[in-house]
């Protein structure tokens, strides 16, 4: 299992705490240290929808004024690769390539505790 995000994000912190509390081993990829590239973003998009992955609610989206650009999917991919903060977080890769986005304790219990 791999969790992608940033250490200062509260939802990433909750996800990491959940895994630690339930003794679920995971690797952590911090966007600030290791950038997620376009290939990885495209891999995720084979499993989840762009609307789930592309973060339109974050500060970075507003600061870059991306709404006015009316980006298509290719434009969104390029921006996410350039600015990883535009990727919703946390992203969790688990169970042979499955991908989960965001933090929801109930969903985590159903999804990740079934592997214990």
PDB file of N, CA and C in Angstrom:
ATOM      1  N   UNK A   1       0.852  -1.177   0.000  1.00  0.00           N
ATOM      2  CA  UNK A   1       0.000   0.000   0.000  1.00  0.00           C
ATOM      3  C   UNK A   1       0.896   1.236   0.000  1.00  0.00           C
ATOM      4  N   UNK A   2       0.486   2.215  -0.797  1.00  0.00           N
ATOM      5  CA  UNK A   2       1.209   3.484  -0.846  1.00  0.00           C
ATOM      6  C   UNK A   2       0.217   4.625  -0.691  1.00  0.00           C
ATOM      7  N   UNK A   3       0.547   5.565   0.177  1.00  0.00           N
ATOM      8  CA  UNK A   3      -0.257   6.774   0.361  1.00  0.00           C
ATOM      9  C   UNK A   3       0.524   7.938  -0.239  1.00  0.00           C
ATOM     10  N   UNK A   4      -0.148   8.711  -1.092  1.00  0.00           N
ATOM     11  CA  UNK A   4       0.442   9.896  -1.709  1.00  0.00           C
ATOM     12  C   UNK A   4      -0.222  11.137  -1.136  1.00  0.00           C
ATOM     13  N   UNK A   5       0.581  12.156  -0.848  1.00  0.00           N
ATOM     14  CA  UNK A   5       0.038  13.403  -0.337  1.00  0.00           C
ATOM     15  C   UNK A   5       1.145  14.293   0.169  1.00  0.00           C
ATOM     16  N   UNK A   6       0.792  15.178   1.094  1.00  0.00           N
ATOM     17  CA  UNK A   6       1.781  16.045   1.733  1.00  0.00           C
ATOM     18  C   UNK A   6       1.608  15.935   3.244  1.00  0.00           C
ATOM     19  N   UNK A   7       2.702  16.088   3.946  1.00  0.00           N
ATOM     20  CA  UNK A   7       2.655  15.889   5.403  1.00  0.00           C
ATOM     21  C   UNK A   7       1.820  16.940   6.118  1.00  0.00           C
ATOM     22  N   UNK A   8       1.662  18.119   5.526  1.00  0.00           N
ATOM     23  CA  UNK A   8       0.923  19.198   6.188  1.00  0.00           C
ATOM     24  C   UNK A   8      -0.585  19.142   5.940  1.00  0.00           C
ATOM     25  N   UNK A   9      -1.043  18.207   5.135  1.00  0.00           N
ATOM     26  CA  UNK A   9      -2.473  18.090   4.825  1.00  0.00           C
ATOM     27  C   UNK A   9      -3.177  17.305   5.940  1.00  0.00           C
ATOM     28  N   UNK A  10      -4.246  17.875   6.475  1.00  0.00           N
ATOM     29  CA  UNK A  10      -4.944  17.222   7.593  1.00  0.00           C
ATOM     30  C   UNK A  10      -5.578  15.893   7.179  1.00  0.00           C
ATOM     31  N   UNK A  11      -6.125  15.796   5.983  1.00  0.00           N
ATOM     32  CA  UNK A  11      -6.743  14.531   5.570  1.00  0.00           C
ATOM     33  C   UNK A  11      -5.698  13.453   5.314  1.00  0.00           C
ATOM     34  N   UNK A  12      -4.533  13.848   4.825  1.00  0.00           N
ATOM     35  CA  UNK A  12      -3.436  12.886   4.667  1.00  0.00           C
ATOM     36  C   UNK A  12      -3.011  12.401   6.054  1.00  0.00           C
ATOM     37  N   UNK A  13      -2.948  13.311   7.001  1.00  0.00           N
ATOM     38  CA  UNK A  13      -2.615  12.939   8.378  1.00  0.00           C
ATOM     39  C   UNK A  13      -3.611  11.949   8.957  1.00  0.00           C
ATOM     40  N   UNK A  14      -4.888  12.171   8.690  1.00  0.00           N
ATOM     41  CA  UNK A  14      -5.930  11.256   9.178  1.00  0.00           C
ATOM     42  C   UNK A  14      -5.776   9.879   8.544  1.00  0.00           C
ATOM     43  N   UNK A  15      -5.492   9.854   7.252  1.00  0.00           N
ATOM     44  CA  UNK A  15      -5.317   8.577   6.544  1.00  0.00           C
ATOM     45  C   UNK A  15      -4.124   7.808   7.110  1.00  0.00           C
ATOM     46  N   UNK A  16      -3.018   8.501   7.307  1.00  0.00           N
ATOM     47  CA  UNK A  16      -1.824   7.852   7.848  1.00  0.00           C
ATOM     48  C   UNK A  16      -2.071   7.347   9.270  1.00  0.00           C
ATOM     49  N   UNK A  17      -2.764   8.154  10.074  1.00  0.00           N
ATOM     50  CA  UNK A  17      -3.080   7.749  11.444  1.00  0.00           C
ATOM     51  C   UNK A  17      -3.983   6.518  11.447  1.00  0.00           C
ATOM     52  N   UNK A  18      -4.985   6.502  10.573  1.00  0.00           N
ATOM     53  CA  UNK A  18      -5.884   5.354  10.477  1.00  0.00           C
ATOM     54  C   UNK A  18      -5.086   4.079  10.212  1.00  0.00           C
ATOM     55  N   UNK A  19      -4.196   4.146   9.234  1.00  0.00           N
ATOM     56  CA  UNK A  19      -3.401   2.964   8.884  1.00  0.00           C
ATOM     57  C   UNK A  19      -2.511   2.540  10.050  1.00  0.00           C
ATOM     58  N   UNK A  20      -1.858   3.502  10.687  1.00  0.00           N
ATOM     59  CA  UNK A  20      -0.994   3.179  11.831  1.00  0.00           C
ATOM     60  C   UNK A  20      -1.806   2.593  12.979  1.00  0.00           C
ATOM     61  N   UNK A  21      -2.959   3.198  13.277  1.00  0.00           N
ATOM     62  CA  UNK A  21      -3.803   2.716  14.370  1.00  0.00           C
ATOM     63  C   UNK A  21      -4.280   1.286  14.143  1.00  0.00           C
ATOM     64  N   UNK A  22      -4.436   0.907  12.871  1.00  0.00           N
ATOM     65  CA  UNK A  22      -4.909  -0.438  12.538  1.00  0.00           C
ATOM     66  C   UNK A  22      -3.768  -1.343  12.075  1.00  0.00           C
ATOM     67  N   UNK A  23      -2.540  -0.882  12.317  1.00  0.00           N
ATOM     68  CA  UNK A  23      -1.340  -1.662  12.007  1.00  0.00           C
ATOM     69  C   UNK A  23      -1.301  -2.137  10.565  1.00  0.00           C
ATOM     70  N   UNK A  24      -1.681  -1.251   9.658  1.00  0.00           N
ATOM     71  CA  UNK A  24      -1.630  -1.534   8.225  1.00  0.00           C
ATOM     72  C   UNK A  24      -0.369  -0.866   7.683  1.00  0.00           C
ATOM     73  N   UNK A  25       0.515  -1.678   7.138  1.00  0.00           N
ATOM     74  CA  UNK A  25       1.785  -1.157   6.621  1.00  0.00           C
ATOM     75  C   UNK A  25       1.538  -0.368   5.336  1.00  0.00           C
ATOM     76  N   UNK A  26       2.279   0.734   5.203  1.00  0.00           N
ATOM     77  CA  UNK A  26       2.168   1.546   3.990  1.00  0.00           C
ATOM     78  C   UNK A  26       3.460   2.314   3.757  1.00  0.00           C
ATOM     79  N   UNK A  27       3.686   2.652   2.513  1.00  0.00           N
ATOM     80  CA  UNK A  27       4.746   3.576   2.145  1.00  0.00           C
ATOM     81  C   UNK A  27       4.087   4.929   1.955  1.00  0.00           C
ATOM     82  N   UNK A  28       4.838   5.994   2.199  1.00  0.00           N
ATOM     83  CA  UNK A  28       4.299   7.338   2.029  1.00  0.00           C
ATOM     84  C   UNK A  28       5.136   8.100   1.027  1.00  0.00           C
ATOM     85  N   UNK A  29       4.468   8.687   0.037  1.00  0.00           N
ATOM     86  CA  UNK A  29       5.135   9.526  -0.960  1.00  0.00           C
ATOM     87  C   UNK A  29       4.658  10.958  -0.739  1.00  0.00           C
ATOM     88  N   UNK A  30       5.597  11.802  -0.339  1.00  0.00           N
ATOM     89  CA  UNK A  30       5.314  13.210  -0.076  1.00  0.00           C
ATOM     90  C   UNK A  30       5.571  14.007  -1.353  1.00  0.00           C
ATOM     91  N   UNK A  31       4.529  14.662  -1.870  1.00  0.00           N
ATOM     92  CA  UNK A  31       4.656  15.455  -3.095  1.00  0.00           C
ATOM     93  C   UNK A  31       5.767  16.505  -3.001  1.00  0.00           C
ATOM     94  N   UNK A  32       6.001  17.003  -1.793  1.00  0.00           N
ATOM     95  CA  UNK A  32       7.037  18.032  -1.637  1.00  0.00           C
ATOM     96  C   UNK A  32       8.428  17.470  -1.867  1.00  0.00           C
ATOM     97  N   UNK A  33       8.590  16.165  -1.648  1.00  0.00           N
ATOM     98  CA  UNK A  33       9.893  15.514  -1.779  1.00  0.00           C
ATOM     99  C   UNK A  33      10.020  14.795  -3.122  1.00  0.00           C
ATOM    100  N   UNK A  34       8.980  14.066  -3.495  1.00  0.00           N
ATOM    101  CA  UNK A  34       8.977  13.278  -4.722  1.00  0.00           C
ATOM    102  C   UNK A  34       7.747  13.638  -5.546  1.00  0.00           C
ATOM    103  N   UNK A  35       7.957  14.290  -6.657  1.00  0.00           N
ATOM    104  CA  UNK A  35       6.831  14.693  -7.507  1.00  0.00           C
ATOM    105  C   UNK A  35       6.184  13.485  -8.178  1.00  0.00           C
ATOM    106  N   UNK A  36       4.885  13.575  -8.344  1.00  0.00           N
ATOM    107  CA  UNK A  36       4.145  12.576  -9.092  1.00  0.00           C
ATOM    108  C   UNK A  36       4.158  13.023 -10.552  1.00  0.00           C
ATOM    109  N   UNK A  37       4.567  12.134 -11.440  1.00  0.00           N
ATOM    110  CA  UNK A  37       4.688  12.519 -12.847  1.00  0.00           C
ATOM    111  C   UNK A  37       3.423  12.208 -13.647  1.00  0.00           C
ATOM    112  N   UNK A  38       3.435  12.638 -14.886  1.00  0.00           N
ATOM    113  CA  UNK A  38       2.278  12.466 -15.759  1.00  0.00           C
ATOM    114  C   UNK A  38       1.926  10.994 -15.965  1.00  0.00           C
ATOM    115  N   UNK A  39       2.917  10.131 -16.046  1.00  0.00           N
ATOM    116  CA  UNK A  39       2.650   8.700 -16.237  1.00  0.00           C
ATOM    117  C   UNK A  39       1.844   8.128 -15.069  1.00  0.00           C
ATOM    118  N   UNK A  40       2.206   8.504 -13.846  1.00  0.00           N
ATOM    119  CA  UNK A  40       1.481   8.021 -12.665  1.00  0.00           C
ATOM    120  C   UNK A  40       0.059   8.574 -12.646  1.00  0.00           C
ATOM    121  N   UNK A  41      -0.094   9.847 -13.008  1.00  0.00           N
ATOM    122  CA  UNK A  41      -1.420  10.459 -13.051  1.00  0.00           C
ATOM    123  C   UNK A  41      -2.300   9.738 -14.073  1.00  0.00           C
ATOM    124  N   UNK A  42      -1.743   9.438 -15.239  1.00  0.00           N
ATOM    125  CA  UNK A  42      -2.501   8.701 -16.270  1.00  0.00           C
ATOM    126  C   UNK A  42      -2.871   7.289 -15.785  1.00  0.00           C
ATOM    127  N   UNK A  43      -1.970   6.670 -15.056  1.00  0.00           N
ATOM    128  CA  UNK A  43      -2.249   5.342 -14.486  1.00  0.00           C
ATOM    129  C   UNK A  43      -3.453   5.416 -13.548  1.00  0.00           C
ATOM    130  N   UNK A  44      -3.459   6.432 -12.672  1.00  0.00           N
ATOM    131  CA  UNK A  44      -4.596   6.597 -11.763  1.00  0.00           C
ATOM    132  C   UNK A  44      -5.883   6.845 -12.535  1.00  0.00           C
ATOM    133  N   UNK A  45      -5.804   7.637 -13.596  1.00  0.00           N
ATOM    134  CA  UNK A  45      -7.004   7.989 -14.363  1.00  0.00           C
ATOM    135  C   UNK A  45      -7.596   6.805 -15.115  1.00  0.00           C
ATOM    136  N   UNK A  46      -6.856   5.727 -15.224  1.00  0.00           N
ATOM    137  CA  UNK A  46      -7.430   4.499 -15.794  1.00  0.00           C
ATOM    138  C   UNK A  46      -8.365   3.828 -14.790  1.00  0.00           C
ATOM    139  N   UNK A  47      -8.245   4.229 -13.527  1.00  0.00           N
ATOM    140  CA  UNK A  47      -9.018   3.585 -12.460  1.00  0.00           C
ATOM    141  C   UNK A  47     -10.026   4.507 -11.792  1.00  0.00           C
ATOM    142  N   UNK A  48      -9.779   5.828 -11.864  1.00  0.00           N
ATOM    143  CA  UNK A  48     -10.682   6.786 -11.237  1.00  0.00           C
ATOM    144  C   UNK A  48     -10.959   7.937 -12.197  1.00  0.00           C
ATOM    145  N   UNK A  49     -12.052   8.608 -11.986  1.00  0.00           N
ATOM    146  CA  UNK A  49     -12.492   9.695 -12.862  1.00  0.00           C
ATOM    147  C   UNK A  49     -11.710  10.983 -12.604  1.00  0.00           C
ATOM    148  N   UNK A  50     -11.539  11.764 -13.651  1.00  0.00           N
ATOM    149  CA  UNK A  50     -10.851  13.057 -13.542  1.00  0.00           C
ATOM    150  C   UNK A  50     -11.497  13.938 -12.477  1.00  0.00           C
ATOM    151  N   UNK A  51     -12.829  13.907 -12.379  1.00  0.00           N
ATOM    152  CA  UNK A  51     -13.530  14.747 -11.405  1.00  0.00           C
ATOM    153  C   UNK A  51     -13.143  14.391  -9.977  1.00  0.00           C
ATOM    154  N   UNK A  52     -12.751  13.153  -9.771  1.00  0.00           N
ATOM    155  CA  UNK A  52     -12.327  12.716  -8.446  1.00  0.00           C
ATOM    156  C   UNK A  52     -10.877  13.122  -8.185  1.00  0.00           C
ATOM    157  N   UNK A  53     -10.037  13.061  -9.206  1.00  0.00           N
ATOM    158  CA  UNK A  53      -8.606  13.299  -9.025  1.00  0.00           C
ATOM    159  C   UNK A  53      -8.202  14.775  -9.037  1.00  0.00           C
ATOM    160  N   UNK A  54      -8.822  15.573  -9.888  1.00  0.00           N
ATOM    161  CA  UNK A  54      -8.410  16.965 -10.072  1.00  0.00           C
ATOM    162  C   UNK A  54      -9.058  17.846  -9.005  1.00  0.00           C
ATOM    163  N   UNK A  55      -8.232  18.522  -8.212  1.00  0.00           N
ATOM    164  CA  UNK A  55      -8.707  19.298  -7.068  1.00  0.00           C
ATOM    165  C   UNK A  55      -9.055  20.732  -7.476  1.00  0.00           C
ATOM    166  N   UNK A  56     -10.341  21.015  -7.592  1.00  0.00           N
ATOM    167  CA  UNK A  56     -10.793  22.364  -7.935  1.00  0.00           C
ATOM    168  C   UNK A  56     -11.142  23.185  -6.699  1.00  0.00           C
ATOM    169  N   UNK A  57     -11.016  22.593  -5.528  1.00  0.00           N
ATOM    170  CA  UNK A  57     -11.390  23.300  -4.290  1.00  0.00           C
ATOM    171  C   UNK A  57     -10.195  23.859  -3.531  1.00  0.00           C
ATOM    172  N   UNK A  58      -9.007  23.497  -3.953  1.00  0.00           N
ATOM    173  CA  UNK A  58      -7.823  23.893  -3.209  1.00  0.00           C
ATOM    174  C   UNK A  58      -7.339  25.298  -3.515  1.00  0.00           C
ATOM    175  N   UNK A  59      -6.482  25.767  -2.645  1.00  0.00           N
ATOM    176  CA  UNK A  59      -5.887  27.099  -2.786  1.00  0.00           C
ATOM    177  C   UNK A  59      -5.090  27.221  -4.076  1.00  0.00           C
ATOM    178  N   UNK A  60      -4.341  26.183  -4.420  1.00  0.00           N
ATOM    179  CA  UNK A  60      -3.494  26.218  -5.613  1.00  0.00           C
ATOM    180  C   UNK A  60      -4.342  26.456  -6.869  1.00  0.00           C
ATOM    181  N   UNK A  61      -5.488  25.808  -6.965  1.00  0.00           N
ATOM    182  CA  UNK A  61      -6.384  25.979  -8.121  1.00  0.00           C
ATOM    183  C   UNK A  61      -6.837  27.435  -8.230  1.00  0.00           C
ATOM    184  N   UNK A  62      -7.202  28.016  -7.099  1.00  0.00           N
ATOM    185  CA  UNK A  62      -7.646  29.419  -7.096  1.00  0.00           C
ATOM    186  C   UNK A  62      -6.482  30.366  -7.391  1.00  0.00           C
ATOM    187  N   UNK A  63      -5.333  30.114  -6.750  1.00  0.00           N
ATOM    188  CA  UNK A  63      -4.171  30.985  -6.955  1.00  0.00           C
ATOM    189  C   UNK A  63      -3.719  31.014  -8.408  1.00  0.00           C
ATOM    190  N   UNK A  64      -3.793  29.877  -9.067  1.00  0.00           N
ATOM    191  CA  UNK A  64      -3.361  29.792 -10.472  1.00  0.00           C
ATOM    192  C   UNK A  64      -4.448  30.257 -11.456  1.00  0.00           C
ATOM    193  N   UNK A  65      -5.644  30.561 -10.914  1.00  0.00           N
ATOM    194  CA  UNK A  65      -6.770  31.028 -11.730  1.00  0.00           C
ATOM    195  C   UNK A  65      -7.080  30.061 -12.887  1.00  0.00           C
ATOM    196  N   UNK A  66      -7.071  28.773 -12.563  1.00  0.00           N
ATOM    197  CA  UNK A  66      -7.260  27.756 -13.594  1.00  0.00           C
ATOM    198  C   UNK A  66      -8.702  27.674 -14.094  1.00  0.00           C
ATOM    199  N   UNK A  67      -9.638  28.112 -13.296  1.00  0.00           N
ATOM    200  CA  UNK A  67     -11.034  28.055 -13.735  1.00  0.00           C
ATOM    201  C   UNK A  67     -11.211  28.843 -15.027  1.00  0.00           C
ATOM    202  N   UNK A  68     -10.541  29.969 -15.128  1.00  0.00           N
ATOM    203  CA  UNK A  68     -10.690  30.823 -16.320  1.00  0.00           C
ATOM    204  C   UNK A  68     -10.088  30.185 -17.567  1.00  0.00           C
ATOM    205  N   UNK A  69      -9.220  29.187 -17.406  1.00  0.00           N
ATOM    206  CA  UNK A  69      -8.604  28.528 -18.563  1.00  0.00           C
ATOM    207  C   UNK A  69      -9.512  27.481 -19.200  1.00  0.00           C
ATOM    208  N   UNK A  70     -10.562  27.069 -18.478  1.00  0.00           N
ATOM    209  CA  UNK A  70     -11.499  26.068 -18.995  1.00  0.00           C
ATOM    210  C   UNK A  70     -10.749  24.858 -19.570  1.00  0.00           C
ATOM    211  N   UNK A  71      -9.921  24.238 -18.736  1.00  0.00           N
ATOM    212  CA  UNK A  71      -9.034  23.156 -19.165  1.00  0.00           C
ATOM    213  C   UNK A  71      -9.784  21.899 -19.582  1.00  0.00           C
ATOM    214  N   UNK A  72      -9.287  21.253 -20.640  1.00  0.00           N
ATOM    215  CA  UNK A  72      -9.783  19.927 -20.988  1.00  0.00           C
ATOM    216  C   UNK A  72      -8.978  18.914 -20.168  1.00  0.00           C
ATOM    217  N   UNK A  73      -9.259  17.631 -20.324  1.00  0.00           N
ATOM    218  CA  UNK A  73      -8.589  16.622 -19.506  1.00  0.00           C
ATOM    219  C   UNK A  73      -7.074  16.627 -19.702  1.00  0.00           C
ATOM    220  N   UNK A  74      -6.616  16.814 -20.938  1.00  0.00           N
ATOM    221  CA  UNK A  74      -5.172  16.847 -21.190  1.00  0.00           C
ATOM    222  C   UNK A  74      -4.527  18.029 -20.474  1.00  0.00           C
ATOM    223  N   UNK A  75      -5.195  19.155 -20.481  1.00  0.00           N
ATOM    224  CA  UNK A  75      -4.699  20.325 -19.773  1.00  0.00           C
ATOM    225  C   UNK A  75      -4.640  20.091 -18.273  1.00  0.00           C
ATOM    226  N   UNK A  76      -5.649  19.422 -17.746  1.00  0.00           N
ATOM    227  CA  UNK A  76      -5.674  19.117 -16.310  1.00  0.00           C
ATOM    228  C   UNK A  76      -4.535  18.168 -15.936  1.00  0.00           C
ATOM    229  N   UNK A  77      -4.288  17.176 -16.779  1.00  0.00           N
ATOM    230  CA  UNK A  77      -3.192  16.235 -16.527  1.00  0.00           C
ATOM    231  C   UNK A  77      -1.860  16.977 -16.507  1.00  0.00           C
ATOM    232  N   UNK A  78      -1.653  17.837 -17.482  1.00  0.00           N
ATOM    233  CA  UNK A  78      -0.403  18.604 -17.553  1.00  0.00           C
ATOM    234  C   UNK A  78      -0.224  19.467 -16.309  1.00  0.00           C
ATOM    235  N   UNK A  79      -1.292  20.131 -15.892  1.00  0.00           N
ATOM    236  CA  UNK A  79      -1.201  20.973 -14.693  1.00  0.00           C
ATOM    237  C   UNK A  79      -0.953  20.153 -13.431  1.00  0.00           C
ATOM    238  N   UNK A  80      -1.616  18.979 -13.303  1.00  0.00           N
ATOM    239  CA  UNK A  80      -1.398  18.141 -12.117  1.00  0.00           C
ATOM    240  C   UNK A  80       0.048  17.654 -12.053  1.00  0.00           C
ATOM    241  N   UNK A  81       0.620  17.334 -13.217  1.00  0.00           N
ATOM    242  CA  UNK A  81       2.015  16.877 -13.248  1.00  0.00           C
ATOM    243  C   UNK A  81       2.964  18.018 -12.874  1.00  0.00           C
ATOM    244  N   UNK A  82       2.613  19.229 -13.272  1.00  0.00           N
ATOM    245  CA  UNK A  82       3.450  20.394 -12.982  1.00  0.00           C
ATOM    246  C   UNK A  82       3.255  20.871 -11.541  1.00  0.00           C
ATOM    247  N   UNK A  83       2.023  20.817 -11.058  1.00  0.00           N
ATOM    248  CA  UNK A  83       1.652  21.287  -9.717  1.00  0.00           C
ATOM    249  C   UNK A  83       0.897  20.173  -8.993  1.00  0.00           C
ATOM    250  N   UNK A  84       1.622  19.309  -8.289  1.00  0.00           N
ATOM    251  CA  UNK A  84       0.990  18.171  -7.626  1.00  0.00           C
ATOM    252  C   UNK A  84      -0.068  18.561  -6.605  1.00  0.00           C
ATOM    253  N   UNK A  85      -0.043  19.808  -6.144  1.00  0.00           N
ATOM    254  CA  UNK A  85      -1.070  20.248  -5.190  1.00  0.00           C
ATOM    255  C   UNK A  85      -2.456  20.280  -5.832  1.00  0.00           C
ATOM    256  N   UNK A  86      -2.528  20.149  -7.134  1.00  0.00           N
ATOM    257  CA  UNK A  86      -3.814  20.096  -7.832  1.00  0.00           C
ATOM    258  C   UNK A  86      -4.413  18.688  -7.809  1.00  0.00           C
ATOM    259  N   UNK A  87      -3.686  17.736  -7.254  1.00  0.00           N
ATOM    260  CA  UNK A  87      -4.184  16.365  -7.123  1.00  0.00           C
ATOM    261  C   UNK A  87      -4.871  16.250  -5.767  1.00  0.00           C
ATOM    262  N   UNK A  88      -6.115  15.766  -5.772  1.00  0.00           N
ATOM    263  CA  UNK A  88      -6.800  15.560  -4.492  1.00  0.00           C
ATOM    264  C   UNK A  88      -6.002  14.566  -3.675  1.00  0.00           C
ATOM    265  N   UNK A  89      -6.112  14.679  -2.380  1.00  0.00           N
ATOM    266  CA  UNK A  89      -5.334  13.816  -1.511  1.00  0.00           C
ATOM    267  C   UNK A  89      -6.123  13.422  -0.271  1.00  0.00           C
ATOM    268  N   UNK A  90      -5.720  12.340   0.321  1.00  0.00           N
ATOM    269  CA  UNK A  90      -4.670  11.424  -0.097  1.00  0.00           C
ATOM    270  C   UNK A  90      -5.116  10.513  -1.238  1.00  0.00           C
ATOM    271  N   UNK A  91      -4.134  10.040  -1.976  1.00  0.00           N
ATOM    272  CA  UNK A  91      -4.332   8.985  -2.965  1.00  0.00           C
ATOM    273  C   UNK A  91      -3.757   7.729  -2.331  1.00  0.00           C
ATOM    274  N   UNK A  92      -4.513   6.656  -2.346  1.00  0.00           N
ATOM    275  CA  UNK A  92      -4.026   5.404  -1.781  1.00  0.00           C
ATOM    276  C   UNK A  92      -4.079   4.325  -2.861  1.00  0.00           C
ATOM    277  N   UNK A  93      -2.911   3.749  -3.124  1.00  0.00           N
ATOM    278  CA  UNK A  93      -2.833   2.589  -4.017  1.00  0.00           C
ATOM    279  C   UNK A  93      -2.789   1.351  -3.131  1.00  0.00           C
ATOM    280  N   UNK A  94      -3.621   0.372  -3.454  1.00  0.00           N
ATOM    281  CA  UNK A  94      -3.692  -0.827  -2.623  1.00  0.00           C
ATOM    282  C   UNK A  94      -4.176  -2.001  -3.451  1.00  0.00           C
ATOM    283  N   UNK A  95      -4.072  -3.180  -2.917  1.00  0.00           N
ATOM    284  CA  UNK A  95      -4.632  -4.417  -3.471  1.00  0.00           C
ATOM    285  C   UNK A  95      -4.490  -4.527  -4.989  1.00  0.00           C
ATOM    286  N   UNK A  96      -3.265  -4.686  -5.427  1.00  0.00           N
ATOM    287  CA  UNK A  96      -2.992  -4.947  -6.843  1.00  0.00           C
ATOM    288  C   UNK A  96      -3.530  -3.870  -7.766  1.00  0.00           C
ATOM    289  N   UNK A  97      -3.183  -2.629  -7.496  1.00  0.00           N
ATOM    290  CA  UNK A  97      -3.490  -1.556  -8.431  1.00  0.00           C
ATOM    291  C   UNK A  97      -4.769  -0.783  -8.190  1.00  0.00           C
ATOM    292  N   UNK A  98      -5.522  -1.119  -7.163  1.00  0.00           N
ATOM    293  CA  UNK A  98      -6.723  -0.332  -6.871  1.00  0.00           C
ATOM    294  C   UNK A  98      -6.293   1.032  -6.327  1.00  0.00           C
ATOM    295  N   UNK A  99      -7.169   2.030  -6.533  1.00  0.00           N
ATOM    296  CA  UNK A  99      -6.864   3.398  -6.112  1.00  0.00           C
ATOM    297  C   UNK A  99      -8.063   3.978  -5.370  1.00  0.00           C
ATOM    298  N   UNK A 100      -7.777   4.613  -4.237  1.00  0.00           N
ATOM    299  CA  UNK A 100      -8.816   5.316  -3.482  1.00  0.00           C
ATOM    300  C   UNK A 100      -8.364   6.755  -3.264  1.00  0.00           C
ATOM    301  N   UNK A 101      -9.295   7.696  -3.389  1.00  0.00           N
ATOM    302  CA  UNK A 101      -8.981   9.110  -3.211  1.00  0.00           C
ATOM    303  C   UNK A 101      -9.801   9.673  -2.064  1.00  0.00           C
ATOM    304  N   UNK A 102      -9.163  10.487  -1.230  1.00  0.00           N
ATOM    305  CA  UNK A 102      -9.795  11.218  -0.127  1.00  0.00           C
ATOM    306  C   UNK A 102      -9.809  10.391   1.151  1.00  0.00           C
ATOM    307  N   UNK A 103     -10.289  11.016   2.213  1.00  0.00           N
ATOM    308  CA  UNK A 103     -10.379  10.343   3.502  1.00  0.00           C
ATOM    309  C   UNK A 103     -11.828  10.278   3.942  1.00  0.00           C
ATOM    310  N   UNK A 104     -12.264   9.077   4.278  1.00  0.00           N
ATOM    311  CA  UNK A 104     -13.581   8.848   4.847  1.00  0.00           C
ATOM    312  C   UNK A 104     -13.435   7.631   5.747  1.00  0.00           C
ATOM    313  N   UNK A 105     -13.537   7.837   7.043  1.00  0.00           N
ATOM    314  CA  UNK A 105     -13.261   6.761   7.983  1.00  0.00           C
ATOM    315  C   UNK A 105     -14.128   5.529   7.747  1.00  0.00           C
ATOM    316  N   UNK A 106     -15.400   5.729   7.473  1.00  0.00           N
ATOM    317  CA  UNK A 106     -16.288   4.577   7.251  1.00  0.00           C
ATOM    318  C   UNK A 106     -15.876   3.786   6.013  1.00  0.00           C
ATOM    319  N   UNK A 107     -15.547   4.496   4.948  1.00  0.00           N
ATOM    320  CA  UNK A 107     -15.095   3.827   3.726  1.00  0.00           C
ATOM    321  C   UNK A 107     -13.774   3.099   3.995  1.00  0.00           C
ATOM    322  N   UNK A 108     -12.901   3.729   4.748  1.00  0.00           N
ATOM    323  CA  UNK A 108     -11.621   3.100   5.085  1.00  0.00           C
ATOM    324  C   UNK A 108     -11.850   1.806   5.854  1.00  0.00           C
ATOM    325  N   UNK A 109     -12.778   1.822   6.819  1.00  0.00           N
ATOM    326  CA  UNK A 109     -13.066   0.607   7.603  1.00  0.00           C
ATOM    327  C   UNK A 109     -13.538  -0.513   6.684  1.00  0.00           C
ATOM    328  N   UNK A 110     -14.452  -0.177   5.774  1.00  0.00           N
ATOM    329  CA  UNK A 110     -14.985  -1.190   4.852  1.00  0.00           C
ATOM    330  C   UNK A 110     -13.933  -1.679   3.875  1.00  0.00           C
ATOM    331  N   UNK A 111     -13.101  -0.759   3.388  1.00  0.00           N
ATOM    332  CA  UNK A 111     -12.137  -1.083   2.338  1.00  0.00           C
ATOM    333  C   UNK A 111     -10.863  -1.720   2.881  1.00  0.00           C
ATOM    334  N   UNK A 112     -10.269  -1.094   3.880  1.00  0.00           N
ATOM    335  CA  UNK A 112      -8.934  -1.501   4.299  1.00  0.00           C
ATOM    336  C   UNK A 112      -8.900  -2.488   5.468  1.00  0.00           C
ATOM    337  N   UNK A 113      -9.924  -2.494   6.287  1.00  0.00           N
ATOM    338  CA  UNK A 113      -9.913  -3.444   7.402  1.00  0.00           C
ATOM    339  C   UNK A 113     -10.289  -4.850   6.950  1.00  0.00           C
ATOM    340  N   UNK A 114     -10.846  -4.984   5.777  1.00  0.00           N
ATOM    341  CA  UNK A 114     -11.175  -6.305   5.252  1.00  0.00           C
ATOM    342  C   UNK A 114      -9.920  -7.087   4.897  1.00  0.00           C
ATOM    343  N   UNK A 115      -8.772  -6.393   4.821  1.00  0.00           N
ATOM    344  CA  UNK A 115      -7.511  -7.070   4.500  1.00  0.00           C
ATOM    345  C   UNK A 115      -6.798  -7.573   5.736  1.00  0.00           C
ATOM    346  N   UNK A 116      -7.281  -7.149   6.911  1.00  0.00           N
ATOM    347  CA  UNK A 116      -6.592  -7.544   8.146  1.00  0.00           C
ATOM    348  C   UNK A 116      -6.750  -9.024   8.426  1.00  0.00           C
TER     349      UNK A 116
END
